[in-house]
Amino acid sequence: MIARRTLLATLAALALAGPAAAQNYPARVIKLVVPYTPGSPNDVMARLLTQHLAPRLGQPIVVQKGAVL
């Protein structure tokens, strides 16, 4: 009985997850926040990373300076 309930719950979850998988993600510009000063080694690495990551995701990536909390 438990196996049947588990199977039905799994099938219901898969049926509901189908439409979510069809969405294009990401659908807009990606903002990468780097909490270090511009020109620092961390900023340079983030910009190099975005050059390789943007074509694979199909969306532009913007590197922004963020505040450290």
N, C-alpha and C. Protein backbone atom coordinates (compact mmCIF):
# COMPACT_ATOMS: atom_id res chain seq x y z
N MET A 1 0.83 -1.19 0.00
CA MET A 1 0.00 0.00 0.00
C MET A 1 0.87 1.25 0.00
N ILE A 2 1.93 1.25 0.78
CA ILE A 2 2.82 2.41 0.83
C ILE A 2 3.53 2.57 -0.50
N ALA A 3 3.90 1.49 -1.13
CA ALA A 3 4.58 1.57 -2.42
C ALA A 3 3.67 2.19 -3.47
N ARG A 4 2.39 1.85 -3.43
CA ARG A 4 1.44 2.42 -4.39
C ARG A 4 1.29 3.92 -4.16
N ARG A 5 1.20 4.33 -2.91
CA ARG A 5 1.09 5.77 -2.61
C ARG A 5 2.35 6.52 -3.04
N THR A 6 3.49 5.93 -2.81
CA THR A 6 4.75 6.55 -3.22
C THR A 6 4.82 6.69 -4.73
N LEU A 7 4.40 5.65 -5.43
CA LEU A 7 4.39 5.70 -6.89
C LEU A 7 3.44 6.78 -7.40
N LEU A 8 2.25 6.87 -6.84
CA LEU A 8 1.29 7.88 -7.26
C LEU A 8 1.79 9.29 -6.95
N ALA A 9 2.41 9.47 -5.80
CA ALA A 9 2.95 10.78 -5.44
C ALA A 9 4.09 11.18 -6.37
N THR A 10 4.92 10.22 -6.73
CA THR A 10 6.02 10.49 -7.65
C THR A 10 5.51 10.86 -9.03
N LEU A 11 4.52 10.14 -9.52
CA LEU A 11 3.94 10.45 -10.83
C LEU A 11 3.26 11.82 -10.83
N ALA A 12 2.58 12.16 -9.74
CA ALA A 12 1.94 13.47 -9.65
C ALA A 12 2.98 14.58 -9.64
N ALA A 13 4.08 14.38 -8.94
CA ALA A 13 5.14 15.39 -8.89
C ALA A 13 5.77 15.57 -10.26
N LEU A 14 5.99 14.49 -10.98
CA LEU A 14 6.56 14.58 -12.32
C LEU A 14 5.61 15.27 -13.30
N ALA A 15 4.33 15.02 -13.16
CA ALA A 15 3.36 15.66 -14.03
C ALA A 15 3.31 17.16 -13.80
N LEU A 16 3.44 17.59 -12.56
CA LEU A 16 3.42 19.01 -12.25
C LEU A 16 4.73 19.70 -12.61
N ALA A 17 5.83 18.96 -12.63
CA ALA A 17 7.13 19.55 -12.92
C ALA A 17 7.37 19.71 -14.42
N GLY A 18 6.57 19.08 -15.25
CA GLY A 18 6.75 19.15 -16.70
C GLY A 18 6.71 20.56 -17.26
N PRO A 19 5.67 21.36 -16.97
CA PRO A 19 5.63 22.72 -17.51
C PRO A 19 6.76 23.61 -17.00
N ALA A 20 7.23 23.39 -15.81
CA ALA A 20 8.32 24.21 -15.27
C ALA A 20 9.62 23.94 -16.02
N ALA A 21 9.82 22.75 -16.50
CA ALA A 21 11.04 22.41 -17.22
C ALA A 21 11.08 23.03 -18.62
N ALA A 22 9.94 23.42 -19.15
CA ALA A 22 9.87 23.95 -20.50
C ALA A 22 10.19 25.44 -20.57
N GLN A 23 10.34 26.11 -19.44
CA GLN A 23 10.59 27.54 -19.44
C GLN A 23 12.04 27.84 -19.82
N ASN A 24 12.23 28.97 -20.51
CA ASN A 24 13.58 29.41 -20.82
C ASN A 24 14.17 30.10 -19.60
N TYR A 25 15.28 29.63 -19.13
CA TYR A 25 15.95 30.24 -18.00
C TYR A 25 17.39 30.45 -18.35
N PRO A 26 17.97 31.52 -18.09
CA PRO A 26 17.42 32.78 -17.62
C PRO A 26 16.81 33.56 -18.77
N ALA A 27 15.81 34.35 -18.48
CA ALA A 27 15.07 35.07 -19.52
C ALA A 27 15.49 36.53 -19.61
N ARG A 28 16.41 36.99 -18.80
CA ARG A 28 16.85 38.38 -18.86
C ARG A 28 18.32 38.48 -18.47
N VAL A 29 18.83 39.70 -18.42
CA VAL A 29 20.24 39.93 -18.12
C VAL A 29 20.57 39.41 -16.72
N ILE A 30 21.70 38.73 -16.61
CA ILE A 30 22.15 38.20 -15.32
C ILE A 30 23.10 39.21 -14.70
N LYS A 31 22.87 39.54 -13.42
CA LYS A 31 23.74 40.47 -12.70
C LYS A 31 24.60 39.67 -11.73
N LEU A 32 25.92 39.76 -11.91
CA LEU A 32 26.86 39.11 -11.02
C LEU A 32 27.45 40.18 -10.11
N VAL A 33 27.16 40.10 -8.82
CA VAL A 33 27.63 41.10 -7.86
C VAL A 33 28.96 40.64 -7.27
N VAL A 34 29.98 41.48 -7.43
CA VAL A 34 31.32 41.21 -6.90
C VAL A 34 31.58 42.23 -5.79
N PRO A 35 31.72 41.79 -4.55
CA PRO A 35 31.87 42.73 -3.44
C PRO A 35 33.29 43.25 -3.23
N TYR A 36 34.02 43.46 -4.31
CA TYR A 36 35.39 43.97 -4.23
C TYR A 36 35.53 45.14 -5.19
N THR A 37 36.59 45.90 -5.04
CA THR A 37 36.78 47.08 -5.87
C THR A 37 37.02 46.69 -7.33
N PRO A 38 36.58 47.56 -8.25
CA PRO A 38 36.83 47.30 -9.67
C PRO A 38 38.33 47.27 -9.96
N GLY A 39 38.75 46.31 -10.75
CA GLY A 39 40.16 46.15 -11.08
C GLY A 39 40.91 45.22 -10.16
N SER A 40 40.25 44.77 -9.09
CA SER A 40 40.91 43.84 -8.17
C SER A 40 40.98 42.46 -8.84
N PRO A 41 41.84 41.59 -8.34
CA PRO A 41 41.92 40.25 -8.94
C PRO A 41 40.58 39.51 -8.96
N ASN A 42 39.76 39.69 -7.94
CA ASN A 42 38.45 39.04 -7.92
C ASN A 42 37.54 39.59 -9.00
N ASP A 43 37.59 40.89 -9.24
CA ASP A 43 36.79 41.51 -10.29
C ASP A 43 37.24 41.01 -11.66
N VAL A 44 38.54 40.93 -11.88
CA VAL A 44 39.07 40.46 -13.16
C VAL A 44 38.65 39.01 -13.40
N MET A 45 38.72 38.17 -12.38
CA MET A 45 38.31 36.78 -12.53
C MET A 45 36.82 36.67 -12.84
N ALA A 46 36.00 37.51 -12.21
CA ALA A 46 34.57 37.49 -12.47
C ALA A 46 34.29 37.88 -13.92
N ARG A 47 35.00 38.87 -14.43
CA ARG A 47 34.80 39.30 -15.81
C ARG A 47 35.26 38.23 -16.80
N LEU A 48 36.36 37.55 -16.49
CA LEU A 48 36.80 36.45 -17.34
C LEU A 48 35.79 35.30 -17.33
N LEU A 49 35.24 35.04 -16.17
CA LEU A 49 34.24 33.98 -16.05
C LEU A 49 33.00 34.31 -16.88
N THR A 50 32.57 35.56 -16.85
CA THR A 50 31.37 35.93 -17.59
C THR A 50 31.57 35.83 -19.10
N GLN A 51 32.79 36.04 -19.58
CA GLN A 51 33.05 35.90 -21.01
C GLN A 51 32.81 34.49 -21.49
N HIS A 52 33.08 33.51 -20.66
CA HIS A 52 32.89 32.11 -21.04
C HIS A 52 31.49 31.61 -20.70
N LEU A 53 30.89 32.19 -19.67
CA LEU A 53 29.59 31.72 -19.21
C LEU A 53 28.43 32.28 -20.03
N ALA A 54 28.54 33.52 -20.48
CA ALA A 54 27.44 34.17 -21.21
C ALA A 54 27.05 33.43 -22.49
N PRO A 55 27.99 33.01 -23.33
CA PRO A 55 27.57 32.28 -24.54
C PRO A 55 26.90 30.94 -24.23
N ARG A 56 27.31 30.30 -23.17
CA ARG A 56 26.71 29.01 -22.82
C ARG A 56 25.29 29.17 -22.30
N LEU A 57 25.04 30.26 -21.56
CA LEU A 57 23.70 30.50 -21.04
C LEU A 57 22.80 31.21 -22.06
N GLY A 58 23.42 31.87 -23.03
CA GLY A 58 22.64 32.57 -24.04
C GLY A 58 22.09 33.90 -23.57
N GLN A 59 22.63 34.44 -22.50
CA GLN A 59 22.19 35.72 -21.95
C GLN A 59 23.42 36.55 -21.58
N PRO A 60 23.32 37.88 -21.71
CA PRO A 60 24.43 38.71 -21.27
C PRO A 60 24.54 38.72 -19.74
N ILE A 61 25.77 38.86 -19.27
CA ILE A 61 26.03 38.92 -17.83
C ILE A 61 26.71 40.24 -17.53
N VAL A 62 26.19 40.96 -16.55
CA VAL A 62 26.75 42.26 -16.14
C VAL A 62 27.41 42.09 -14.78
N VAL A 63 28.66 42.52 -14.67
CA VAL A 63 29.38 42.47 -13.39
C VAL A 63 29.16 43.80 -12.69
N GLN A 64 28.67 43.75 -11.46
CA GLN A 64 28.40 44.96 -10.68
C GLN A 64 29.20 44.89 -9.38
N LYS A 65 29.59 46.08 -8.91
CA LYS A 65 30.24 46.16 -7.61
C LYS A 65 29.14 46.18 -6.55
N GLY A 66 29.32 45.34 -5.56
CA GLY A 66 28.33 45.27 -4.48
C GLY A 66 28.95 45.64 -3.16
N ALA A 67 28.11 46.00 -2.22
CA ALA A 67 28.57 46.37 -0.88
C ALA A 67 28.75 45.13 -0.03
N VAL A 68 29.77 45.11 0.78
CA VAL A 68 30.00 44.02 1.71
C VAL A 68 29.23 44.36 2.98
N LEU A 69 28.37 43.42 3.41
CA LEU A 69 27.57 43.67 4.61
C LEU A 69 28.22 43.09 5.84
